[in-house]
Every structure is written in C-alpha cells, then in structure tokens.
Amino acid sequence: MSSEENKVENKSVIEKPDWMIEELYRKAWQIVKTNKMLWVFGAAIGAGTSFNFNSGFDKADFEGFKKLFEGNPQQSQELTHNIISYLTSAVPSYLWIILGLEFLFLVIFAIFVSLIYKSWATGALLENVDRCIKGGKAAISEASEKAFKVLKPLLWLEIIPGLILTLASVIGLIIFAAGIAFAPNILKAIFILLLIGFVFFLIYAWIMLIASLIWATRRVVIEGKPAKEALRSGYNIAKKKFWAILLLGLVNNILAVIVIGIPIVVLIGIIIGGIVAGLSVKALGIAIFIIAGLLFFALIIGLTVADGILNAFKTTVWSLAYNNIKGKYTPSLSIDKSIIPNPPSLRLRKGTAIL
C-alpha cells in the first residue's frame, strides 16, 4: 500500500464523527423501550409544582356573598368601596408589610423547592440512564441515593451560571437602551448597532451555556466532578463540538414538537369543530364538546406519559453521545512525568501514526 493511500486511510479514521444521530436514536430507543422505569424519572423532570389554595366557603356562603352585590350597581360600588376602606383602615400598615414579606418568602421558598426537586430528578435520571447504558437496570433507591449525594453541585449548576448570565444580559440591555434613549443623535446609530451585536452575542452565550450544562451535569453525576470543574470541561466540549451539539439539539426539539404538538393541535381542531358545529346544529355541537372533554383528560394522561418517555429518550441520547467523547476533549487522567519523563505524543508521519 502506498504512502498516499495510507494518508487517505488515516485521514478518514481521524475525521470520523464522534456520533451519528441515527445510531444514537436507535440505541436510545432500545434502552428506553426496555427500561420503563426511566419513564417515571423522565416524567418527574417534566412535572411542575402546583399549589392548591382551598377555602372554607361552601356553596351557600358564596350565594350569600353574591347577594351582597345584587341590586343597584351604585350600591354595589359603594359597598365595595366601604369594604376596601374598612380593610385598609382597620389593618395596621405593618401587617400589610408582613403579609407582603410572607408572600415573597412563599414564592422564593416555592422556587427553591422546585429547583431542589428538579436537580434531584435530573441526577436520578442521569444515574439510571448510565446504569442502563452499561447493561444494568434502572433502580429507584440507588439512583435517588446517588442524586442526593450530588445535589449540591447540581443545584450550583442549575442556579449560578444562569443567574450570572441573566444579570449580565439585563445590565447590558439597560446600558444599551439608555445609550439609545439619551445619547446624542450622532451616537444613536452606533448604540443601535452595538445593541444588535449584543443580542446576537446573548443568543450565542445562552446556547453555549445550555450546551455546557448538558455535559457538566453528566460529569458531576457520572464522574463525581466538582461543579466548577464540570462546567469548565463542559464549556470546552461545547466549544469544540458546537455545530454537532446544535444539530443534535435541533433534531431533539423537532422530535419534541412532533410528539407533544400534534396531539394538542388535533384537540384544538376538535374543539374548534365543536364550536362551528354547535352554531348550526346544537345537538351535534354538544356531542362534540363532550367528546372533546373526554379527549382532554385522555390527552393530559397521554402527554404526561409521552413527556416522560421523551425526556428519558433525550437524556439517553445525550448520555450516549457523552460516552462517545468522554475523556477525548476533557481527559480525566494525567500522565505522571516522574514515571514517564518524556510522554509520547500522537502525530502523523508519512501516513503512519507514531505513538
């Protein structure tokens, strides 16, 4: 074999892509299909936190309250004004301040609990996906225990980078907006151009942050790395694999739109059809509305399951991609120079790889 043929062969080996989307999807689907426990953790990530406020009023109480505002509209307005005036005058100002602070504390507490829950669910799902990729089975207790161990770095990754970038974005936008509003006319065009450039930079920065966190969370959960080190290595991977990551993320989002969006569009179409039919044939419209109501509840259950499967699938796809490049762009082992004074380097010489 000639040296030129060796060069072509070695070049094809070197330029082999780190992953193929079709291969990632095929492997991920096999894993998710045979490990339905991943669906539960996938649904846990997508689950929102709801707060239900229950009152002690029954129907009779509301009917009595409604009668207060029946009759003369002028009297109703006066009664409403008197009630508001009484409440504001009878309750001391410091109680309103305390109430406001309590409400603020409740909101902050709810956000904090939601972040803890999301970080735990993310850690548990990543741990279970890694177990399944390695041929094991998903387990609730082991994955939960591992997730709690890495909860602190996952929380740091969930809060701090995004908060810093958000503050930088807001401050930058305020500065440029103030420049456009108050700068002399001769400088307004410059500030507008700078603002456009800054907006494009923010889009790139947020994409890089999201891509960096994809790898950073896996380094924390799978390799037990500290949050800052994981974020730095995740950024290095995102910088070197930017277009491949962007393409894979785009394909994943298109899949999500198809899986989640199509059933919602179908339901909306049925509701609109019910409204149109109800305008002409009342009995038909009522029947369609009843069917739409039943489909709505079925859709809620179906979307919950679909969201769980989709989250587990996308997480598995990214984890498979991570395994393909693990140690390639962020080597976890360093060479001990005391043992090997002159560590060899990888280079090409006349089409031959010299170690």
Protein backbone atom coordinates (compact mmCIF):
# COMPACT_ATOMS: atom_id res chain seq x y z
CA MET A 1 0.00 0.00 0.00
CA SER A 2 1.44 3.39 -0.99
CA SER A 3 2.04 6.26 1.40
CA GLU A 4 -0.70 8.28 -0.30
CA GLU A 5 -3.23 5.50 0.35
CA ASN A 6 -2.08 5.39 3.97
CA LYS A 7 -2.69 9.13 4.28
CA VAL A 8 -6.22 8.80 2.91
CA GLU A 9 -6.96 5.88 5.24
CA ASN A 10 -5.59 7.62 8.34
CA LYS A 11 -7.39 10.85 7.44
CA SER A 12 -10.71 9.01 7.22
CA VAL A 13 -10.07 7.48 10.63
CA ILE A 14 -9.13 10.80 12.22
CA GLU A 15 -12.14 12.64 10.77
CA LYS A 16 -14.68 10.01 11.82
CA PRO A 17 -17.53 11.82 13.61
CA ASP A 18 -17.90 11.33 17.35
CA TRP A 19 -21.52 10.29 16.90
CA MET A 20 -24.18 9.65 14.29
CA ILE A 21 -27.67 10.85 15.19
CA GLU A 22 -29.32 7.81 13.64
CA GLU A 23 -27.15 5.47 15.71
CA LEU A 24 -27.74 7.44 18.90
CA TYR A 25 -31.50 7.37 18.33
CA ARG A 26 -31.56 3.64 17.63
CA LYS A 27 -29.58 2.76 20.76
CA ALA A 28 -31.50 5.25 22.93
CA TRP A 29 -34.87 3.87 21.83
CA GLN A 30 -33.82 0.30 22.62
CA ILE A 31 -32.71 1.36 26.12
CA VAL A 32 -35.81 3.45 26.87
CA LYS A 33 -38.18 0.83 25.45
CA THR A 34 -36.79 -1.94 27.66
CA ASN A 35 -36.37 0.18 30.83
CA LYS A 36 -39.76 1.69 31.56
CA MET A 37 -38.60 2.91 34.97
CA LEU A 38 -36.80 5.65 33.05
CA TRP A 39 -40.21 6.97 32.00
CA VAL A 40 -41.05 7.68 35.64
CA PHE A 41 -37.92 9.75 36.19
CA GLY A 42 -38.41 11.44 32.84
CA ALA A 43 -41.92 12.45 33.89
CA ALA A 44 -40.51 13.65 37.23
CA ILE A 45 -38.26 16.13 35.43
CA GLY A 46 -41.17 17.48 33.40
CA ALA A 47 -43.59 17.61 36.29
CA GLY A 48 -44.41 21.08 37.52
CA THR A 49 -45.06 22.15 41.06
CA SER A 50 -48.61 23.27 41.75
CA PHE A 51 -50.02 24.97 44.80
CA ASN A 52 -53.68 24.49 45.50
CA PHE A 53 -55.37 27.02 47.78
CA ASN A 54 -58.50 25.72 49.39
CA SER A 55 -61.06 27.95 51.07
CA GLY A 56 -63.58 27.06 53.71
CA PHE A 57 -66.55 28.55 51.85
CA ASP A 58 -69.31 26.28 50.69
CA LYS A 59 -71.93 26.99 48.06
CA ALA A 60 -74.31 28.69 50.49
CA ASP A 61 -71.57 31.07 51.59
CA PHE A 62 -70.84 32.10 48.02
CA GLU A 63 -74.53 32.57 47.27
CA GLY A 64 -74.90 34.80 50.32
CA PHE A 65 -71.83 36.76 49.33
CA LYS A 66 -73.21 37.13 45.82
CA LYS A 67 -76.47 38.63 47.15
CA LEU A 68 -74.50 41.48 48.69
CA PHE A 69 -73.67 42.73 45.20
CA GLU A 70 -77.09 42.17 43.65
CA GLY A 71 -79.44 45.05 43.12
CA ASN A 72 -78.43 48.66 42.43
CA PRO A 73 -74.99 48.88 40.77
CA GLN A 74 -74.35 52.17 42.58
CA GLN A 75 -74.97 50.49 45.92
CA SER A 76 -72.68 47.62 44.95
CA GLN A 77 -69.88 50.05 44.12
CA GLU A 78 -70.36 51.91 47.38
CA LEU A 79 -70.39 48.65 49.34
CA THR A 80 -67.19 47.51 47.64
CA HIS A 81 -65.55 50.84 48.35
CA ASN A 82 -66.62 50.70 52.00
CA ILE A 83 -65.27 47.16 52.41
CA ILE A 84 -61.91 48.13 50.92
CA SER A 85 -61.74 51.29 53.03
CA TYR A 86 -62.56 49.31 56.17
CA LEU A 87 -59.90 46.69 55.44
CA THR A 88 -57.20 49.26 54.72
CA SER A 89 -58.04 51.36 57.77
CA ALA A 90 -58.64 48.55 60.24
CA VAL A 91 -55.49 46.61 59.40
CA PRO A 92 -52.25 48.28 60.54
CA SER A 93 -49.67 49.10 57.87
CA TYR A 94 -47.02 46.84 59.38
CA LEU A 95 -49.35 43.86 58.97
CA TRP A 96 -49.61 44.56 55.25
CA ILE A 97 -45.81 44.71 55.10
CA ILE A 98 -45.56 41.41 56.96
CA LEU A 99 -48.15 39.88 54.62
CA GLY A 100 -46.17 41.06 51.61
CA LEU A 101 -42.93 39.67 53.03
CA GLU A 102 -44.62 36.35 53.79
CA PHE A 103 -45.93 36.15 50.24
CA LEU A 104 -42.45 36.94 48.88
CA PHE A 105 -40.94 34.29 51.15
CA LEU A 106 -43.54 31.77 49.95
CA VAL A 107 -42.65 32.48 46.31
CA ILE A 108 -38.90 32.21 46.98
CA PHE A 109 -39.40 29.04 49.00
CA ALA A 110 -41.53 27.50 46.23
CA ILE A 111 -38.85 28.32 43.64
CA PHE A 112 -36.11 26.87 45.85
CA VAL A 113 -38.05 23.65 46.47
CA SER A 114 -38.74 23.37 42.74
CA LEU A 115 -35.01 23.74 41.98
CA ILE A 116 -34.10 21.09 44.55
CA TYR A 117 -36.72 18.74 43.14
CA LYS A 118 -35.56 19.30 39.56
CA SER A 119 -31.89 18.78 40.47
CA TRP A 120 -32.74 15.55 42.30
CA ALA A 121 -34.83 14.28 39.39
CA THR A 122 -32.08 15.18 36.92
CA GLY A 123 -29.43 13.40 38.97
CA ALA A 124 -31.57 10.30 39.44
CA LEU A 125 -32.45 10.11 35.74
CA LEU A 126 -28.82 10.56 34.65
CA GLU A 127 -27.66 7.87 37.08
CA ASN A 128 -30.33 5.42 35.90
CA VAL A 129 -29.61 6.13 32.25
CA ASP A 130 -25.92 5.48 32.83
CA ARG A 131 -26.76 2.19 34.57
CA CYS A 132 -28.96 1.13 31.65
CA ILE A 133 -26.34 2.07 29.05
CA LYS A 134 -23.86 -0.15 30.89
CA GLY A 135 -26.30 -3.05 30.74
CA GLY A 136 -27.86 -2.70 34.20
CA LYS A 137 -31.41 -1.93 35.25
CA ALA A 138 -32.94 1.31 36.47
CA ALA A 139 -33.44 1.40 40.24
CA ILE A 140 -35.22 3.96 42.37
CA SER A 141 -33.35 3.64 45.68
CA GLU A 142 -29.79 3.54 44.28
CA ALA A 143 -30.40 6.37 41.82
CA SER A 144 -32.08 8.52 44.47
CA GLU A 145 -29.17 7.99 46.87
CA LYS A 146 -26.67 8.98 44.17
CA ALA A 147 -28.78 12.02 43.24
CA PHE A 148 -28.80 13.27 46.84
CA LYS A 149 -25.01 12.91 47.03
CA VAL A 150 -24.51 15.20 44.04
CA LEU A 151 -27.43 17.51 44.84
CA LYS A 152 -25.24 20.45 45.89
CA PRO A 153 -23.16 20.66 42.65
CA LEU A 154 -26.27 20.07 40.56
CA LEU A 155 -28.01 22.95 42.35
CA TRP A 156 -24.97 25.15 41.72
CA LEU A 157 -25.11 24.34 38.01
CA GLU A 158 -28.87 24.91 37.97
CA ILE A 159 -28.71 28.34 39.63
CA ILE A 160 -25.38 30.15 39.46
CA PRO A 161 -24.36 30.14 35.73
CA GLY A 162 -27.85 31.05 34.54
CA LEU A 163 -28.20 33.74 37.22
CA ILE A 164 -24.88 35.34 36.28
CA LEU A 165 -25.71 35.33 32.58
CA THR A 166 -29.20 36.71 33.27
CA LEU A 167 -27.79 39.60 35.33
CA ALA A 168 -25.19 40.33 32.65
CA SER A 169 -27.90 40.28 29.98
CA VAL A 170 -30.18 42.65 31.89
CA ILE A 171 -27.36 45.08 32.75
CA GLY A 172 -26.10 45.09 29.16
CA LEU A 173 -29.57 45.68 27.70
CA ILE A 174 -30.20 48.52 30.17
CA ILE A 175 -26.90 50.19 29.24
CA PHE A 176 -27.56 49.99 25.50
CA ALA A 177 -31.20 51.07 25.89
CA ALA A 178 -30.06 54.07 27.97
CA GLY A 179 -27.47 54.90 25.33
CA ILE A 180 -30.07 54.84 22.58
CA ALA A 181 -32.50 56.94 24.64
CA PHE A 182 -30.12 59.61 25.96
CA ALA A 183 -27.12 59.68 23.63
CA PRO A 184 -26.83 62.43 21.01
CA ASN A 185 -28.36 61.65 17.65
CA ILE A 186 -24.96 61.16 16.08
CA LEU A 187 -24.25 58.29 18.51
CA LYS A 188 -27.67 56.62 18.47
CA ALA A 189 -26.87 54.63 15.33
CA ILE A 190 -23.70 53.32 16.98
CA PHE A 191 -25.62 52.23 20.08
CA ILE A 192 -28.25 50.53 17.90
CA LEU A 193 -25.57 48.57 16.04
CA LEU A 194 -23.91 47.64 19.34
CA LEU A 195 -27.28 46.54 20.73
CA ILE A 196 -27.89 44.27 17.71
CA GLY A 197 -24.44 42.76 18.14
CA PHE A 198 -25.04 42.32 21.86
CA VAL A 199 -28.35 40.50 21.21
CA PHE A 200 -26.60 38.06 18.86
CA PHE A 201 -23.88 37.58 21.46
CA LEU A 202 -26.51 36.80 24.11
CA ILE A 203 -28.13 34.20 21.85
CA TYR A 204 -24.73 32.56 21.36
CA ALA A 205 -23.94 32.80 25.09
CA TRP A 206 -27.20 31.13 26.11
CA ILE A 207 -26.73 28.35 23.55
CA MET A 208 -23.20 27.79 24.87
CA LEU A 209 -24.44 27.73 28.46
CA ILE A 210 -27.16 25.18 27.70
CA ALA A 211 -24.69 23.03 25.74
CA SER A 212 -22.09 23.29 28.52
CA LEU A 213 -24.61 22.23 31.16
CA ILE A 214 -25.52 19.12 29.13
CA TRP A 215 -22.00 17.78 29.63
CA ALA A 216 -21.36 19.37 33.03
CA THR A 217 -24.29 17.61 34.71
CA ARG A 218 -23.06 14.27 33.40
CA ARG A 219 -19.55 14.89 34.66
CA VAL A 220 -21.00 15.68 38.10
CA VAL A 221 -23.31 12.65 38.28
CA ILE A 222 -21.30 10.01 36.43
CA GLU A 223 -17.73 11.04 37.29
CA GLY A 224 -18.32 12.87 40.58
CA LYS A 225 -16.57 16.06 39.45
CA PRO A 226 -16.99 19.40 41.29
CA ALA A 227 -19.45 21.81 39.73
CA LYS A 228 -16.96 24.45 38.57
CA GLU A 229 -14.58 21.91 37.06
CA ALA A 230 -17.50 20.18 35.34
CA LEU A 231 -18.74 23.48 33.91
CA ARG A 232 -15.29 24.36 32.56
CA SER A 233 -14.90 20.98 30.88
CA GLY A 234 -18.48 21.16 29.60
CA TYR A 235 -17.68 24.54 28.04
CA ASN A 236 -14.59 23.09 26.35
CA ILE A 237 -16.68 20.31 24.84
CA ALA A 238 -19.40 22.73 23.75
CA LYS A 239 -16.81 25.00 22.12
CA LYS A 240 -15.20 22.17 20.15
CA LYS A 241 -18.45 20.39 19.24
CA PHE A 242 -20.67 23.46 18.83
CA TRP A 243 -22.25 22.65 15.45
CA ALA A 244 -22.70 18.95 16.19
CA ILE A 245 -24.35 19.79 19.52
CA LEU A 246 -26.55 22.42 17.88
CA LEU A 247 -27.70 19.95 15.22
CA LEU A 248 -28.47 17.21 17.75
CA GLY A 249 -30.35 19.67 19.96
CA LEU A 250 -32.34 20.92 16.96
CA VAL A 251 -33.33 17.38 15.97
CA ASN A 252 -34.36 16.61 19.57
CA ASN A 253 -36.52 19.74 19.73
CA ILE A 254 -38.18 18.92 16.41
CA LEU A 255 -38.98 15.46 17.79
CA ALA A 256 -40.45 17.06 20.92
CA VAL A 257 -42.66 19.37 18.86
CA ILE A 258 -43.94 16.41 16.83
CA VAL A 259 -44.64 14.21 19.87
CA ILE A 260 -46.22 16.92 22.04
CA GLY A 261 -47.53 19.38 19.47
CA ILE A 262 -49.53 17.12 17.15
CA PRO A 263 -51.95 15.79 19.83
CA ILE A 264 -52.55 19.34 21.08
CA VAL A 265 -53.27 20.58 17.55
CA VAL A 266 -55.69 17.69 17.00
CA LEU A 267 -57.55 18.51 20.22
CA ILE A 268 -57.75 22.20 19.32
CA GLY A 269 -59.14 21.21 15.93
CA ILE A 270 -61.85 19.09 17.56
CA ILE A 271 -62.80 21.96 19.90
CA ILE A 272 -62.99 24.44 17.02
CA GLY A 273 -65.04 21.91 15.06
CA GLY A 274 -67.39 21.59 18.04
CA ILE A 275 -67.85 25.35 18.18
CA VAL A 276 -68.55 25.62 14.46
CA ALA A 277 -70.90 22.63 14.51
CA GLY A 278 -72.66 23.93 17.62
CA LEU A 279 -73.52 27.17 15.87
CA SER A 280 -75.52 25.26 13.25
CA VAL A 281 -76.63 22.03 14.94
CA LYS A 282 -76.84 22.38 18.72
CA ALA A 283 -77.13 18.66 19.50
CA LEU A 284 -74.09 17.82 17.35
CA GLY A 285 -72.07 20.60 18.97
CA ILE A 286 -72.88 19.32 22.46
CA ALA A 287 -71.82 15.79 21.48
CA ILE A 288 -68.55 17.05 20.04
CA PHE A 289 -67.90 19.10 23.19
CA ILE A 290 -68.47 16.02 25.36
CA ILE A 291 -66.06 14.03 23.22
CA ALA A 292 -63.55 16.88 23.36
CA GLY A 293 -63.82 16.93 27.15
CA LEU A 294 -63.12 13.21 27.38
CA LEU A 295 -60.26 13.55 24.94
CA PHE A 296 -58.86 16.41 27.02
CA PHE A 297 -58.50 14.21 30.11
CA ALA A 298 -57.08 11.41 28.00
CA LEU A 299 -54.67 13.92 26.46
CA ILE A 300 -53.43 15.03 29.89
CA ILE A 301 -52.61 11.45 30.83
CA GLY A 302 -51.15 10.71 27.41
CA LEU A 303 -48.98 13.84 27.39
CA THR A 304 -47.65 13.03 30.86
CA VAL A 305 -46.56 9.58 29.71
CA ALA A 306 -45.24 10.94 26.39
CA ASP A 307 -43.32 13.68 28.19
CA GLY A 308 -41.72 11.12 30.50
CA ILE A 309 -40.70 8.91 27.56
CA LEU A 310 -39.44 11.91 25.61
CA ASN A 311 -37.34 13.25 28.49
CA ALA A 312 -35.88 9.81 29.16
CA PHE A 313 -35.15 9.37 25.45
CA LYS A 314 -33.42 12.73 25.02
CA THR A 315 -31.41 12.21 28.20
CA THR A 316 -30.29 8.81 26.93
CA VAL A 317 -29.33 10.29 23.56
CA TRP A 318 -27.12 12.91 25.19
CA SER A 319 -25.61 10.35 27.57
CA LEU A 320 -24.73 8.06 24.68
CA ALA A 321 -23.10 10.99 22.91
CA TYR A 322 -21.26 11.84 26.13
CA ASN A 323 -19.92 8.30 26.40
CA ASN A 324 -18.60 8.56 22.84
CA ILE A 325 -16.49 11.62 23.68
CA LYS A 326 -15.79 11.01 27.38
CA GLY A 327 -12.12 11.61 28.01
CA LYS A 328 -11.47 12.81 24.46
CA TYR A 329 -11.86 16.55 24.99
CA THR A 330 -11.60 16.55 28.79
CA PRO A 331 -9.13 13.79 29.75
CA SER A 332 -9.66 12.72 33.33
CA LEU A 333 -6.23 11.14 33.76
CA SER A 334 -2.90 12.96 33.69
CA ILE A 335 0.44 11.37 32.88
CA ASP A 336 2.87 11.10 35.77
CA LYS A 337 6.08 12.63 34.41
CA SER A 338 8.15 11.08 37.22
CA ILE A 339 7.34 7.67 35.75
CA ILE A 340 7.48 8.69 32.08
CA PRO A 341 9.94 11.61 31.72
CA ASN A 342 9.08 12.26 28.09
CA PRO A 343 5.48 11.17 27.42
CA PRO A 344 4.93 10.27 23.77
CA SER A 345 2.74 12.38 21.55
CA LEU A 346 0.40 11.39 18.79
CA ARG A 347 1.48 12.65 15.40
CA LEU A 348 1.34 11.63 11.77
CA ARG A 349 4.48 10.95 9.78
CA LYS A 350 4.17 9.86 6.18
CA GLY A 351 0.70 8.45 6.77
CA THR A 352 1.72 6.40 9.83
CA ALA A 353 0.55 7.10 13.38
CA ILE A 354 3.62 7.25 15.65
CA LEU A 355 2.93 6.76 19.36
